[in-house]
């Protein structure tokens, strides 16, 4: 019984680890695609996205200050 419990625990841990790896891989690939788009255009690009289910944030050029120009309307 203890062996089964240990096997179940290890299986669940492996699943969580794989899910985390998939999330990290997704983030790396997404940021690489955004970077490729940024390299192909003129001007400055900034992107921010929030996963509403988990609260996780993905940001590209988050520390860059962008002039507002006509983006904000009063």
C-alpha atoms as a PDB file:
ATOM      1  CA  UNK A   1       0.000   0.000   0.000  1.00  0.00           C
ATOM      2  CA  UNK A   2       2.809   2.439   0.838  1.00  0.00           C
ATOM      3  CA  UNK A   3       4.439   1.616  -2.490  1.00  0.00           C
ATOM      4  CA  UNK A   4       1.223   2.465  -4.347  1.00  0.00           C
ATOM      5  CA  UNK A   5       0.909   5.732  -2.440  1.00  0.00           C
ATOM      6  CA  UNK A   6       4.501   6.635  -3.274  1.00  0.00           C
ATOM      7  CA  UNK A   7       3.953   5.774  -6.948  1.00  0.00           C
ATOM      8  CA  UNK A   8       0.790   7.905  -7.035  1.00  0.00           C
ATOM      9  CA  UNK A   9       2.608  10.805  -5.381  1.00  0.00           C
ATOM     10  CA  UNK A  10       5.464  10.633  -7.883  1.00  0.00           C
ATOM     11  CA  UNK A  11       3.021  10.443 -10.797  1.00  0.00           C
ATOM     12  CA  UNK A  12       1.156  13.518  -9.576  1.00  0.00           C
ATOM     13  CA  UNK A  13       4.407  15.416  -9.029  1.00  0.00           C
ATOM     14  CA  UNK A  14       5.566  14.517 -12.534  1.00  0.00           C
ATOM     15  CA  UNK A  15       2.269  15.832 -13.930  1.00  0.00           C
ATOM     16  CA  UNK A  16       2.656  19.143 -12.129  1.00  0.00           C
ATOM     17  CA  UNK A  17       6.260  19.425 -13.263  1.00  0.00           C
ATOM     18  CA  UNK A  18       5.269  18.707 -16.872  1.00  0.00           C
ATOM     19  CA  UNK A  19       2.466  21.281 -16.697  1.00  0.00           C
ATOM     20  CA  UNK A  20       4.928  23.881 -15.369  1.00  0.00           C
ATOM     21  CA  UNK A  21       7.390  23.002 -18.137  1.00  0.00           C
ATOM     22  CA  UNK A  22       4.632  23.402 -20.729  1.00  0.00           C
ATOM     23  CA  UNK A  23       3.704  26.802 -19.280  1.00  0.00           C
ATOM     24  CA  UNK A  24       7.338  27.912 -19.324  1.00  0.00           C
ATOM     25  CA  UNK A  25       7.752  26.653 -22.896  1.00  0.00           C
ATOM     26  CA  UNK A  26       4.619  28.538 -23.954  1.00  0.00           C
ATOM     27  CA  UNK A  27       5.958  31.740 -22.383  1.00  0.00           C
ATOM     28  CA  UNK A  28       9.348  31.366 -24.073  1.00  0.00           C
ATOM     29  CA  UNK A  29       7.764  30.698 -27.478  1.00  0.00           C
ATOM     30  CA  UNK A  30       5.266  33.542 -27.123  1.00  0.00           C
ATOM     31  CA  UNK A  31       7.953  36.044 -26.174  1.00  0.00           C
ATOM     32  CA  UNK A  32      10.127  34.825 -29.081  1.00  0.00           C
ATOM     33  CA  UNK A  33       7.268  35.421 -31.540  1.00  0.00           C
ATOM     34  CA  UNK A  34       6.589  38.866 -30.106  1.00  0.00           C
ATOM     35  CA  UNK A  35      10.308  39.646 -30.351  1.00  0.00           C
ATOM     36  CA  UNK A  36      10.309  38.571 -34.015  1.00  0.00           C
ATOM     37  CA  UNK A  37       7.365  40.877 -34.732  1.00  0.00           C
ATOM     38  CA  UNK A  38       9.136  43.693 -32.896  1.00  0.00           C
ATOM     39  CA  UNK A  39      12.249  43.195 -35.023  1.00  0.00           C
ATOM     40  CA  UNK A  40      10.194  43.329 -38.226  1.00  0.00           C
ATOM     41  CA  UNK A  41       8.418  46.628 -37.552  1.00  0.00           C
ATOM     42  CA  UNK A  42       9.506  50.210 -37.134  1.00  0.00           C
ATOM     43  CA  UNK A  43       8.851  51.927 -33.844  1.00  0.00           C
ATOM     44  CA  UNK A  44       8.517  50.507 -30.364  1.00  0.00           C
ATOM     45  CA  UNK A  45       6.402  47.548 -29.323  1.00  0.00           C
ATOM     46  CA  UNK A  46       5.164  46.710 -25.861  1.00  0.00           C
ATOM     47  CA  UNK A  47       2.835  43.863 -24.950  1.00  0.00           C
ATOM     48  CA  UNK A  48       1.245  42.844 -21.670  1.00  0.00           C
ATOM     49  CA  UNK A  49      -1.195  40.002 -21.083  1.00  0.00           C
ATOM     50  CA  UNK A  50      -2.810  38.675 -17.914  1.00  0.00           C
ATOM     51  CA  UNK A  51      -4.220  35.169 -17.546  1.00  0.00           C
ATOM     52  CA  UNK A  52      -7.455  35.910 -15.709  1.00  0.00           C
ATOM     53  CA  UNK A  53      -7.692  32.365 -14.379  1.00  0.00           C
ATOM     54  CA  UNK A  54      -4.246  32.279 -12.752  1.00  0.00           C
ATOM     55  CA  UNK A  55      -3.212  35.929 -12.546  1.00  0.00           C
ATOM     56  CA  UNK A  56       0.031  35.146 -14.389  1.00  0.00           C
ATOM     57  CA  UNK A  57       1.434  38.081 -16.345  1.00  0.00           C
ATOM     58  CA  UNK A  58       3.449  37.935 -19.551  1.00  0.00           C
ATOM     59  CA  UNK A  59       5.097  41.215 -20.541  1.00  0.00           C
ATOM     60  CA  UNK A  60       7.403  42.336 -23.335  1.00  0.00           C
ATOM     61  CA  UNK A  61       9.239  45.661 -22.952  1.00  0.00           C
ATOM     62  CA  UNK A  62       7.333  46.258 -19.732  1.00  0.00           C
ATOM     63  CA  UNK A  63       9.941  48.708 -18.444  1.00  0.00           C
ATOM     64  CA  UNK A  64       9.823  50.919 -21.530  1.00  0.00           C
ATOM     65  CA  UNK A  65       8.025  54.269 -21.360  1.00  0.00           C
ATOM     66  CA  UNK A  66       5.795  54.855 -24.394  1.00  0.00           C
ATOM     67  CA  UNK A  67       4.436  58.272 -25.395  1.00  0.00           C
ATOM     68  CA  UNK A  68       0.645  58.267 -25.249  1.00  0.00           C
ATOM     69  CA  UNK A  69      -0.010  60.316 -28.426  1.00  0.00           C
ATOM     70  CA  UNK A  70      -3.541  59.556 -29.558  1.00  0.00           C
ATOM     71  CA  UNK A  71      -3.896  56.327 -27.611  1.00  0.00           C
ATOM     72  CA  UNK A  72      -5.788  57.995 -24.744  1.00  0.00           C
ATOM     73  CA  UNK A  73      -8.977  59.929 -25.493  1.00  0.00           C
ATOM     74  CA  UNK A  74     -10.552  62.251 -22.965  1.00  0.00           C
END
